[in-house]
Protein backbone atom coordinates (compact mmCIF):
# COMPACT_ATOMS: atom_id res chain seq x y z
CA MET A 1 119.71 85.91 61.50
CA ALA A 2 119.29 85.57 65.26
CA THR A 3 117.97 88.50 67.23
CA PRO A 4 119.98 89.49 70.29
CA PRO A 5 118.20 89.11 73.62
CA ARG A 6 117.42 92.37 75.33
CA ASP A 7 117.49 93.34 78.96
CA GLU A 8 114.11 93.74 80.56
CA PRO A 9 113.00 97.38 80.47
CA GLY A 10 113.34 99.26 83.73
CA PRO A 11 110.36 100.21 85.87
CA PRO A 12 108.42 103.35 84.93
CA GLY A 13 109.72 106.56 86.39
CA PHE A 14 111.52 109.73 85.46
CA VAL A 15 113.66 109.08 82.37
CA LEU A 16 117.06 110.71 82.80
CA GLU A 17 118.48 109.42 79.53
CA ARG A 18 117.34 106.95 76.90
CA ASN A 19 119.38 104.82 74.49
CA GLN A 20 122.68 106.58 75.08
CA ARG A 21 126.09 105.19 74.21
CA LEU A 22 127.43 103.74 77.44
CA SER A 23 130.69 105.74 77.48
CA ARG A 24 128.69 108.96 77.13
CA SER A 25 126.17 108.13 79.86
CA LEU A 26 125.44 110.56 82.66
CA LEU A 27 126.41 107.73 85.01
CA TRP A 28 130.07 108.59 84.57
CA GLY A 29 129.55 112.17 85.74
CA SER A 30 128.00 110.82 88.93
CA GLN A 31 130.92 108.40 89.26
CA ARG A 32 133.50 111.20 89.04
CA ALA A 33 131.55 113.30 91.53
CA PHE A 34 131.38 110.36 93.95
CA TYR A 35 135.15 109.81 94.00
CA GLU A 36 135.96 113.51 94.18
CA ARG A 37 133.51 114.11 97.03
CA GLN A 38 134.29 110.97 99.02
CA GLY A 39 138.05 111.08 98.70
CA ILE A 40 139.67 108.66 101.14
CA ASP A 41 136.31 108.10 102.89
CA ALA A 42 135.30 105.77 100.05
CA TRP A 43 137.91 103.32 101.39
CA ARG A 44 137.75 104.24 105.06
CA GLN A 45 134.02 103.49 105.14
CA GLY A 46 134.42 100.29 103.12
CA LEU A 47 132.34 101.56 100.20
CA ILE A 48 134.81 100.32 97.57
CA PRO A 49 136.09 96.71 97.37
CA ASN A 50 139.89 96.79 97.54
CA PHE A 51 141.40 94.09 99.78
CA ILE A 52 142.28 91.75 96.91
CA THR A 53 144.45 94.45 95.30
CA SER A 54 145.77 95.96 98.54
CA ASN A 55 147.65 93.27 100.46
CA PRO A 56 151.30 92.29 100.93
CA ILE A 57 151.09 89.36 98.50
CA ILE A 58 150.07 91.43 95.48
CA GLY A 59 152.52 94.19 96.42
CA ARG A 60 155.37 91.67 96.51
CA ALA A 61 154.25 89.98 93.27
CA TYR A 62 154.16 93.24 91.32
CA ALA A 63 157.52 94.27 92.79
CA GLN A 64 159.08 91.06 91.44
CA VAL A 65 157.68 91.68 87.95
CA VAL A 66 158.77 95.33 87.88
CA LEU A 67 162.28 94.45 89.01
CA GLY A 68 162.48 91.74 86.34
CA TRP A 69 161.33 94.26 83.75
CA MET A 70 164.02 96.71 84.88
CA ARG A 71 166.63 93.95 84.57
CA ASP A 72 165.56 93.37 80.97
CA TRP A 73 165.95 97.05 80.08
CA CYS A 74 169.29 97.32 81.87
CA ALA A 75 170.76 94.20 80.24
CA GLY A 76 173.01 95.05 77.33
CA SER A 77 172.38 98.79 77.56
CA ALA A 78 172.88 101.38 80.28
CA PRO A 79 169.85 103.28 81.60
CA ASP A 80 169.82 107.06 81.57
CA PRO A 81 171.64 107.87 84.84
CA SER A 82 170.16 111.37 84.98
CA GLN A 83 166.62 110.03 85.57
CA PRO A 84 165.02 107.26 87.59
CA PHE A 85 162.75 104.59 86.20
CA TYR A 86 159.21 105.81 86.90
CA LEU A 87 156.28 103.66 87.92
CA VAL A 88 152.91 105.43 87.74
CA GLU A 89 149.95 103.96 89.61
CA LEU A 90 146.55 104.96 88.25
CA GLY A 91 143.86 105.45 90.87
CA SER A 92 145.97 104.85 93.98
CA GLY A 93 142.90 105.16 96.23
CA ALA A 94 143.69 104.66 99.90
CA GLY A 95 147.39 104.08 99.17
CA ARG A 96 147.62 100.54 100.55
CA PHE A 97 148.89 98.93 97.34
CA ALA A 98 151.58 101.59 96.94
CA PHE A 99 152.75 100.99 100.51
CA HIS A 100 152.93 97.21 100.12
CA PHE A 101 154.66 97.51 96.74
CA LEU A 102 157.26 99.94 98.04
CA GLU A 103 157.90 97.87 101.17
CA ALA A 104 158.72 94.86 98.98
CA PHE A 105 160.43 96.67 96.11
CA ARG A 106 162.78 98.74 98.28
CA ARG A 107 164.27 95.59 99.79
CA MET A 108 164.46 93.68 96.48
CA HIS A 109 166.01 96.65 94.71
CA ALA A 110 168.59 97.20 97.45
CA LEU A 111 169.71 93.55 97.24
CA SER A 112 169.83 93.41 93.43
CA ARG A 113 172.52 94.41 90.98
CA LEU A 114 170.28 97.35 90.05
CA ARG A 115 170.68 98.94 93.48
CA ASN A 116 172.35 101.99 91.91
CA VAL A 117 169.65 102.44 89.24
CA GLY A 118 167.19 105.12 90.32
CA PHE A 119 163.49 104.40 90.76
CA ARG A 120 160.50 106.55 91.67
CA TYR A 121 156.90 105.54 92.31
CA VAL A 122 154.16 108.05 91.45
CA MET A 123 150.76 107.72 93.11
CA THR A 124 147.93 109.37 91.16
CA ASP A 125 144.24 110.00 91.59
CA LEU A 126 141.48 112.33 90.50
CA SER A 127 140.69 113.55 94.01
CA GLU A 128 142.90 116.25 95.50
CA ARG A 129 141.85 115.05 98.94
CA ASN A 130 143.54 111.72 98.29
CA LEU A 131 146.80 113.40 97.30
CA GLU A 132 146.79 115.44 100.50
CA TYR A 133 146.08 112.32 102.52
CA TRP A 134 149.01 110.38 101.04
CA LEU A 135 151.41 113.25 101.62
CA SER A 136 150.52 113.21 105.32
CA HIS A 137 150.27 109.46 105.92
CA PRO A 138 152.98 108.35 108.39
CA LYS A 139 153.65 105.04 106.63
CA LEU A 140 154.46 106.84 103.36
CA GLN A 141 156.77 109.44 104.88
CA PRO A 142 159.98 107.36 104.67
CA PHE A 143 159.44 106.75 100.96
CA LEU A 144 158.68 110.42 100.32
CA GLU A 145 161.77 111.51 102.23
CA GLU A 146 164.00 109.04 100.40
CA GLY A 147 162.76 110.28 97.04
CA LEU A 148 161.29 106.89 96.16
CA LEU A 149 157.75 108.30 96.07
CA ASP A 150 155.92 111.31 94.68
CA VAL A 151 152.26 112.08 93.92
CA ALA A 152 150.36 113.71 91.07
CA ARG A 153 146.79 114.45 90.12
CA PHE A 154 145.89 112.56 86.95
CA ASP A 155 142.64 112.50 85.00
CA ALA A 156 142.78 109.31 82.97
CA GLU A 157 140.21 110.61 80.50
CA ARG A 158 142.08 113.80 79.60
CA ASP A 159 145.61 114.32 80.89
CA GLU A 160 148.69 114.02 78.69
CA GLN A 161 151.28 114.68 81.39
CA LEU A 162 151.88 114.48 85.14
CA VAL A 163 153.23 117.20 87.43
CA LEU A 164 154.88 115.72 90.51
CA ARG A 165 153.88 117.58 93.67
CA ARG A 166 157.01 117.21 95.77
CA GLY A 167 159.74 117.23 93.15
CA GLY A 168 158.06 119.57 90.67
CA THR A 169 159.12 117.32 87.78
CA VAL A 170 156.84 117.32 84.74
CA LEU A 171 156.47 113.93 83.07
CA ALA A 172 155.50 114.70 79.48
CA PRO A 173 155.99 113.00 76.09
CA GLY A 174 159.65 113.15 75.15
CA SER A 175 160.83 113.87 78.70
CA LEU A 176 161.50 110.36 80.01
CA GLY A 177 165.01 108.98 79.65
CA ASN A 178 164.01 105.45 80.73
CA PRO A 179 161.04 103.14 80.06
CA LEU A 180 157.82 103.63 82.02
CA ALA A 181 155.87 101.17 84.16
CA VAL A 182 152.17 101.66 84.91
CA VAL A 183 149.94 99.91 87.47
CA ALA A 184 146.16 99.95 87.13
CA ASN A 185 144.33 97.84 89.74
CA TYR A 186 140.54 98.05 90.02
CA PHE A 187 140.79 101.13 87.82
CA PHE A 188 139.79 100.35 84.25
CA ASP A 189 136.52 98.89 85.58
CA SER A 190 135.50 102.35 86.83
CA ILE A 191 136.11 104.60 83.80
CA PRO A 192 133.94 104.87 80.67
CA GLN A 193 133.58 101.94 78.31
CA ASP A 194 131.10 100.70 75.74
CA ALA A 195 129.16 97.50 75.20
CA PHE A 196 128.22 95.53 72.09
CA THR A 197 126.37 92.34 71.26
CA VAL A 198 127.57 90.12 68.42
CA VAL A 199 125.14 87.69 66.79
CA ASP A 200 126.11 85.69 63.70
CA GLY A 201 128.44 88.29 62.28
CA VAL A 202 126.14 91.24 63.02
CA ILE A 203 127.07 93.71 65.75
CA PHE A 204 124.64 95.64 67.91
CA GLU A 205 125.48 98.43 70.31
CA CYS A 206 124.12 98.08 73.85
CA LEU A 207 122.65 101.51 74.56
CA VAL A 208 121.88 102.52 78.11
CA SER A 209 118.74 104.06 79.60
CA VAL A 210 118.62 105.50 83.10
CA THR A 211 115.43 106.13 85.09
CA SER A 212 114.68 107.29 88.61
CA SER A 213 111.63 107.12 90.82
CA GLN A 214 112.01 110.85 91.57
CA PRO A 215 113.05 114.01 89.71
CA GLU A 216 116.84 114.40 89.58
CA PRO A 217 117.77 118.07 89.13
CA ALA A 218 121.51 117.31 89.53
CA LEU A 219 122.45 114.62 87.04
CA ASP A 220 126.03 114.55 88.30
CA ALA A 221 125.02 114.09 91.95
CA PRO A 222 127.52 111.77 93.69
CA ASP A 223 124.75 109.58 95.11
CA LEU A 224 122.73 109.33 91.89
CA VAL A 225 123.82 105.77 91.11
CA GLU A 226 122.19 104.49 94.28
CA ARG A 227 118.75 105.73 93.25
CA VAL A 228 118.56 105.01 89.53
CA THR A 229 117.61 101.96 87.49
CA VAL A 230 119.91 101.13 84.59
CA SER A 231 118.80 99.10 81.58
CA PHE A 232 120.30 98.26 78.19
CA GLU A 233 118.84 97.80 74.73
CA ASP A 234 120.56 96.48 71.61
CA HIS A 235 120.54 98.61 68.45
CA PRO A 236 122.21 97.72 65.13
CA LEU A 237 125.55 99.48 64.74
CA GLN A 238 125.66 101.60 61.62
CA GLY A 239 129.16 102.03 60.20
CA ALA A 240 132.31 102.52 62.26
CA CYS A 241 131.71 103.08 65.95
CA TYR A 242 134.59 105.28 67.04
CA ASP A 243 136.10 107.02 64.03
CA ASP A 244 139.30 105.73 65.61
CA PRO A 245 141.05 103.08 63.48
CA GLU A 246 142.66 101.27 66.44
CA LEU A 247 139.45 100.93 68.42
CA ASP A 248 137.32 100.19 65.35
CA ARG A 249 139.76 97.45 64.38
CA ILE A 250 139.14 95.71 67.70
CA VAL A 251 135.35 95.98 67.34
CA GLU A 252 135.58 94.56 63.82
CA HIS A 253 137.73 91.69 65.04
CA TYR A 254 135.00 90.66 67.46
CA ARG A 255 132.32 90.94 64.79
CA GLU A 256 134.28 88.56 62.62
CA ASN A 257 135.36 86.08 65.28
CA LEU A 258 132.56 85.80 67.84
CA SER A 259 129.30 84.03 67.15
CA GLU A 260 127.13 85.08 70.09
CA ALA A 261 128.56 87.28 72.82
CA THR A 262 128.20 90.51 74.75
CA VAL A 263 131.50 92.39 74.54
CA GLN A 264 132.60 95.47 76.43
CA ILE A 265 135.19 97.75 74.86
CA PRO A 266 137.30 99.65 77.44
CA SER A 267 137.42 102.74 75.24
CA SER A 268 138.62 105.20 77.89
CA ALA A 269 141.21 102.72 79.14
CA LEU A 270 142.58 102.21 75.63
CA ARG A 271 142.82 105.95 74.99
CA CYS A 272 144.52 106.41 78.35
CA ILE A 273 147.00 103.65 77.49
CA ARG A 274 147.71 105.38 74.18
CA ARG A 275 148.58 108.63 75.97
CA LEU A 276 150.78 106.76 78.43
CA GLN A 277 152.44 105.02 75.49
CA ARG A 278 153.38 108.41 74.05
CA LEU A 279 154.64 109.45 77.46
CA SER A 280 156.79 106.31 77.66
CA GLY A 281 158.35 106.76 74.24
CA ASP A 282 156.90 103.36 73.25
CA ARG A 283 158.72 101.56 76.10
CA LEU A 284 155.93 100.59 78.45
CA LEU A 285 154.97 97.96 81.03
CA LEU A 286 151.32 97.89 82.10
CA LEU A 287 150.38 95.70 85.06
CA SER A 288 146.64 95.58 85.61
CA GLY A 289 144.55 93.54 88.03
CA ASP A 290 140.76 93.48 87.85
CA LYS A 291 137.72 91.33 87.30
CA GLY A 292 137.13 90.65 83.64
CA GLN A 293 137.74 88.47 80.61
CA ALA A 294 141.25 87.54 79.56
CA SER A 295 140.55 85.63 76.34
CA GLN A 296 138.15 85.35 73.44
CA ASP A 297 136.84 82.08 74.87
CA GLU A 298 135.82 83.87 78.06
CA LEU A 299 134.15 86.61 76.03
CA GLN A 300 132.20 83.99 74.09
CA GLU A 301 130.70 82.79 77.36
CA ARG A 302 129.34 86.24 78.26
CA TRP A 303 125.91 86.10 76.69
CA PRO A 304 123.84 88.13 77.13
CA GLY A 305 123.84 91.35 79.15
CA VAL A 306 126.10 94.01 80.56
CA GLY A 307 127.13 93.38 84.15
CA LEU A 308 127.04 96.64 86.12
CA ALA A 309 127.87 96.24 89.82
CA LYS A 310 126.92 98.98 92.29
CA HIS A 311 129.14 99.86 95.25
CA SER A 312 127.33 102.23 97.67
CA GLY A 313 127.39 105.23 95.34
CA ALA A 314 129.89 104.06 92.73
CA PHE A 315 129.74 101.26 90.16
CA SER A 316 132.05 99.06 88.15
CA LEU A 317 132.03 96.96 84.99
CA MET A 318 134.01 93.93 83.89
CA VAL A 319 137.25 94.70 82.07
CA ASN A 320 137.88 93.23 78.64
CA PHE A 321 141.57 92.37 78.98
CA ASP A 322 141.41 90.58 75.66
CA ALA A 323 140.73 93.92 73.94
CA ILE A 324 143.67 95.51 75.78
CA GLY A 325 145.78 92.60 74.58
CA HIS A 326 144.67 93.23 70.98
CA TYR A 327 145.73 96.86 71.31
CA PHE A 328 149.23 95.87 72.42
CA ARG A 329 149.63 93.12 69.84
CA ASN A 330 148.48 95.45 67.08
CA ARG A 331 151.41 97.66 68.11
CA ASP A 332 153.86 94.76 68.09
CA GLY A 333 153.62 94.46 71.85
CA HIS A 334 153.70 91.42 74.09
CA VAL A 335 151.00 90.10 76.45
CA LEU A 336 151.50 87.93 79.54
CA ARG A 337 148.54 86.22 81.16
CA PRO A 338 148.08 83.08 83.26
CA VAL A 339 147.37 79.86 81.40
CA HIS A 340 144.62 79.07 83.92
CA ARG A 341 141.40 80.97 84.41
CA HIS A 342 141.29 83.32 87.34
CA SER A 343 138.80 82.91 90.18
CA SER A 344 138.86 86.36 91.77
CA LEU A 345 141.40 88.60 90.04
CA HIS A 346 142.99 88.57 86.61
CA VAL A 347 146.45 90.16 86.52
CA GLY A 348 147.81 90.82 83.05
CA ALA A 349 151.16 92.26 81.97
CA PHE A 350 151.31 94.19 78.71
CA LEU A 351 154.63 95.22 77.16
CA LEU A 352 155.72 97.64 74.45
CA GLY A 353 159.26 98.11 73.21
CA GLN A 354 162.02 95.57 72.83
CA PRO A 355 164.88 95.42 75.36
CA PRO A 356 168.26 94.43 73.87
CA GLU A 357 168.03 90.85 75.15
CA GLY A 358 164.25 90.45 75.18
CA HIS A 359 161.71 90.18 77.99
CA GLY A 360 163.08 87.02 79.60
CA GLU A 361 163.42 88.37 83.14
CA THR A 362 159.94 89.92 82.99
CA GLU A 363 158.41 86.68 81.75
CA LEU A 364 160.19 84.63 84.42
CA ALA A 365 159.12 87.00 87.21
CA TYR A 366 155.53 87.01 85.93
CA GLU A 367 155.45 83.23 85.81
CA GLN A 368 156.78 82.91 89.35
CA ALA A 369 154.94 85.79 91.03
CA ILE A 370 151.63 85.99 89.16
CA GLU A 371 150.93 82.74 87.39
CA HIS A 372 152.23 80.39 90.11
CA SER A 373 150.76 81.12 93.55
CA GLY A 374 149.96 84.72 92.69
CA PRO A 375 147.36 87.22 93.92
CA ASP A 376 144.42 85.28 92.49
CA ASP A 377 145.45 82.05 94.21
CA TYR A 378 146.03 83.97 97.43
CA ALA A 379 142.50 85.38 97.37
CA THR A 380 141.07 81.93 96.64
CA LEU A 381 143.02 80.12 99.36
CA LEU A 382 142.39 82.87 101.88
CA LYS A 383 138.69 81.99 101.86
CA CYS A 384 139.64 78.45 102.91
CA PHE A 385 141.90 79.72 105.68
CA GLU A 386 139.19 81.96 107.09
CA ASN A 387 136.94 78.93 107.52
CA ALA A 388 139.71 76.89 109.14
CA PHE A 389 141.19 79.26 111.72
CA GLU A 390 139.16 77.77 114.58
CA SER A 391 140.81 74.36 114.13
CA MET A 392 144.38 75.57 113.58
CA THR A 393 147.19 75.25 116.09
CA LEU A 394 149.30 78.22 117.09
CA GLU A 395 152.14 76.97 114.87
CA GLU A 396 149.74 76.75 111.91
CA LEU A 397 148.38 80.23 112.57
CA LEU A 398 151.91 81.63 112.60
CA ALA A 399 152.64 79.82 109.33
CA ALA A 400 149.53 81.40 107.79
CA LEU A 401 150.72 84.85 108.86
CA ARG A 402 154.18 84.27 107.37
CA TRP A 403 152.66 82.95 104.13
CA SER A 404 150.49 86.07 103.85
CA GLY A 405 153.42 88.46 104.17
CA TRP A 406 152.14 89.43 107.64
CA ASP A 407 148.74 90.49 106.37
CA SER A 408 146.91 92.41 109.11
CA GLY A 409 143.60 91.11 107.75
CA ILE A 410 144.60 87.54 108.53
CA ALA A 411 145.81 88.59 111.97
CA MET A 412 142.43 90.14 112.71
CA ASN A 413 140.45 87.19 111.37
CA ALA A 414 142.56 84.73 113.37
CA PHE A 415 142.54 86.81 116.56
CA SER A 416 140.10 84.68 118.57
CA GLN A 417 142.09 81.51 117.95
CA LEU A 418 145.38 83.27 118.65
CA MET A 419 143.98 84.67 121.89
CA ALA A 420 142.81 81.22 122.96
CA GLN A 421 146.32 79.76 122.66
CA VAL A 422 148.96 82.39 123.38
CA GLU A 423 148.58 82.49 127.19
CA THR A 424 149.46 78.81 127.65
CA ALA A 425 152.01 78.59 124.82
CA SER A 426 155.64 77.76 125.55
CA LEU A 427 158.04 80.64 126.01
CA PRO A 428 159.78 80.07 122.63
CA LEU A 429 156.42 80.01 120.89
CA GLN A 430 155.32 83.17 122.69
CA GLN A 431 158.50 84.83 121.47
CA GLU A 432 157.53 83.82 117.92
CA VAL A 433 154.11 85.39 118.46
CA CYS A 434 155.71 88.62 119.72
CA TRP A 435 157.89 88.79 116.63
CA ALA A 436 154.86 88.10 114.43
CA ILE A 437 152.95 90.93 116.13
CA GLN A 438 155.76 93.35 115.34
CA GLN A 439 155.88 92.20 111.72
CA VAL A 440 152.11 92.57 111.30
CA TRP A 441 152.28 96.06 112.77
CA GLU A 442 155.17 97.18 110.58
CA LYS A 443 153.47 95.82 107.44
CA SER A 444 150.10 97.40 108.24
CA TYR A 445 148.73 100.50 106.54
CA LEU A 446 145.91 101.97 108.58
CA LEU A 447 143.44 104.65 107.60
CA ASP A 448 142.29 107.36 110.00
CA GLY A 449 140.11 105.91 112.73
CA GLU A 450 141.16 102.31 112.23
CA ASP A 451 142.12 101.41 115.81
CA GLU A 452 141.07 97.75 115.86
CA LEU A 453 144.45 96.33 114.88
CA SER A 454 146.46 98.06 117.58
CA PHE A 455 143.79 97.20 120.17
CA HIS A 456 143.86 93.49 119.32
CA LEU A 457 147.64 93.26 119.09
CA GLY A 458 147.77 94.83 122.55
CA MET A 459 145.34 92.18 123.81
CA LEU A 460 147.63 89.40 122.59
CA LEU A 461 150.66 90.94 124.28
CA TYR A 462 148.79 91.44 127.55
CA ALA A 463 147.64 87.82 127.49
CA MET A 464 151.30 86.79 127.28
CA ALA A 465 152.11 88.90 130.37
CA ARG A 466 153.90 91.62 128.45
CA PRO A 467 152.13 94.71 129.83
CA GLU A 468 154.81 97.21 128.80
CA ASP A 469 154.65 96.11 125.14
CA ALA A 470 150.86 95.88 125.26
CA LEU A 471 150.64 99.42 126.65
CA THR A 472 152.30 100.80 123.52
CA PHE A 473 149.54 99.34 121.34
CA PHE A 474 146.69 100.42 123.63
CA GLU A 475 148.07 103.96 123.68
CA HIS A 476 148.19 103.96 119.88
CA SER A 477 144.58 102.79 119.82
CA LEU A 478 143.62 105.63 122.15
CA ARG A 479 145.32 108.21 119.95
CA LEU A 480 142.86 107.20 117.26
CA SER A 481 139.85 106.76 119.56
CA PRO A 482 140.53 108.69 122.80
CA ASP A 483 137.28 107.68 124.52
CA GLU A 484 137.24 103.96 123.71
CA PRO A 485 136.33 102.37 127.08
CA GLY A 486 137.87 98.97 126.35
CA ALA A 487 141.22 100.45 125.38
CA LEU A 488 141.17 102.74 128.44
CA PHE A 489 140.45 99.81 130.75
CA ASN A 490 143.20 97.72 129.17
CA GLN A 491 145.59 100.66 129.46
CA GLY A 492 144.74 100.78 133.15
CA MET A 493 145.42 97.07 133.59
CA CYS A 494 148.83 97.47 132.00
CA HIS A 495 149.61 100.27 134.44
CA VAL A 496 148.48 98.06 137.31
CA HIS A 497 150.92 95.33 136.34
CA LEU A 498 153.65 97.91 135.89
CA ARG A 499 152.83 99.18 139.40
CA GLN A 500 151.88 102.61 138.07
CA ASP A 501 148.83 103.08 140.29
CA ALA A 502 148.15 106.76 139.67
CA ARG A 503 148.07 106.21 135.92
CA ALA A 504 145.96 103.08 136.33
CA LYS A 505 143.41 104.99 138.41
CA GLU A 506 143.21 107.74 135.78
CA SER A 507 142.63 105.19 133.00
CA PHE A 508 139.87 103.39 134.93
CA GLU A 509 138.14 106.68 135.72
CA ARG A 510 138.23 107.70 132.04
CA ALA A 511 136.92 104.27 131.03
CA LEU A 512 134.03 104.57 133.48
CA ALA A 513 133.25 108.10 132.27
CA ALA A 514 133.13 106.78 128.70
CA ASP A 515 130.96 103.81 129.68
CA PRO A 516 129.25 104.01 133.08
CA ASN A 517 128.17 100.36 132.68
CA LEU A 518 131.74 99.08 132.50
CA THR A 519 131.67 97.18 135.79
CA GLN A 520 135.26 95.95 135.44
CA ALA A 521 136.54 99.53 135.71
CA ARG A 522 134.31 100.24 138.71
CA ASP A 523 135.51 97.05 140.40
CA MET A 524 139.17 97.92 139.84
CA LEU A 525 138.70 101.38 141.28
CA ALA A 526 137.02 99.86 144.34
CA GLN A 527 139.86 97.36 144.80
CA MET A 528 142.43 100.12 144.55
CA GLN A 529 140.80 101.86 147.54
CA SER A 530 141.64 98.90 149.75
CA PRO A 531 144.86 99.33 151.77
CA ASP A 532 145.93 95.75 151.04
CA TRP A 533 144.79 95.59 147.42
CA ARG A 534 148.34 95.16 146.12
CA GLN A 535 148.57 91.77 147.82
CA GLY A 536 146.02 90.33 145.42
CA GLN A 537 146.62 92.42 142.35
CA GLU A 538 148.12 89.46 140.47
CA GLU A 539 144.58 88.03 140.44
CA ASP A 540 143.04 91.19 139.04
CA ALA A 541 140.59 91.30 136.16
CA ASP A 542 141.42 90.10 132.69
CA PRO A 543 141.80 92.70 129.93
CA GLU A 544 138.56 93.87 128.41
CA GLU A 545 137.67 93.21 124.76
CA VAL A 546 134.97 95.75 123.98
């Protein structure tokens, strides 16, 4: 019998735990503390990767699948008119995915034959700070006011029900009149799971040890993960692992069917899904996007080791979507996954319950929106676009923006090339750029302090000699960063071209106070002192990109 390879032991230090089951590790306490302490700052500061699951393309793709799923359940039978269809998002984070989903779904729903069927999206998270942030975010207010959106605190490791903050509704087992949809993006990779090694029909459990170079009096400290060294060691598994027939059945399946592989079992995710299944009355759609393995063949290639990725205080693990698929199939469910291997993001759809006429609309929507030119392809192709912006024409840049669903990230990455071309573009093309700017702005979801987008959109408008429109964006930028010298100077230049000299002077003075080395502001103030300065003001300084 082969012996499983073992990770190299960690460096000597203070042992915080030795040979512990991964799902019981102290690491998870630190993880919870990190997310509860950081709240929205985890996304505002860029500590957590999220772009690939928080853009217009993935929002639109999921909206298509959910609407197809609703069509299936409404075909041949009437939904309960006293309740909406609920979609619960687990770990909504900054709220960007919810915004992009709702932007797309509201339009699709209004144009479909299901326009009179109620729908409500529920954002959830562990952190109360995140719930408060969503309830105050200006881009979410229309959805809240229309009753399309509510929020709830949800602990995926414990909770059996959700209490909606605005409506007061309690979603509990037996209370839902219609099927339930659930979204879990970059979520299952961050809650407890276990790891095993299979070698020639023998299964070993990968037990974790955690050491630190210093004493750690608070084992649930939110920054603990940054300081510790994590190592794994394989130990023969004695008997059933979980005392849970459904989970043990999956482990046994891998023992029997894999020759050499390291397999992670998303134990907390599977238990969470089981509680949501009870909540749904066995009529469930789960859409989940993450990094991970979608098939047994992909699992077979993972040998050896447990891949733990650190993210500035938090960490994540690969998600075994194949195990989630086994759970659903063992309950007579249905699994949708792309026929090709993903490059950046696997998006799987998992279904329980049988609509009167089957899942045809769901399958068609999944094929069109996820499998063909879906979120994974978008992320892959976007890398090519980012390397090609410098050689693209203005028409090509506008096409890229349209293709992306007016993704503000693309607009920012393409800014230099846009700026180089808009001033000399034809009037019809400039009008297209102006429309694109408005679309990008309307489809953007900014976090507190993110003023770069409005600043750069204002620069484009100013370059096209549209100072009144540009002023709106510079003023928005200044509401977020009141002492930003570049935005103050550009605000002043807009006032100059609008012949609002008193306001221009005030803006230049504020810019100079914020940055005494900003010579452009000093020069403009000096020019404005000249009695004949207005005669040459058309040749004044260009806007400042600071």
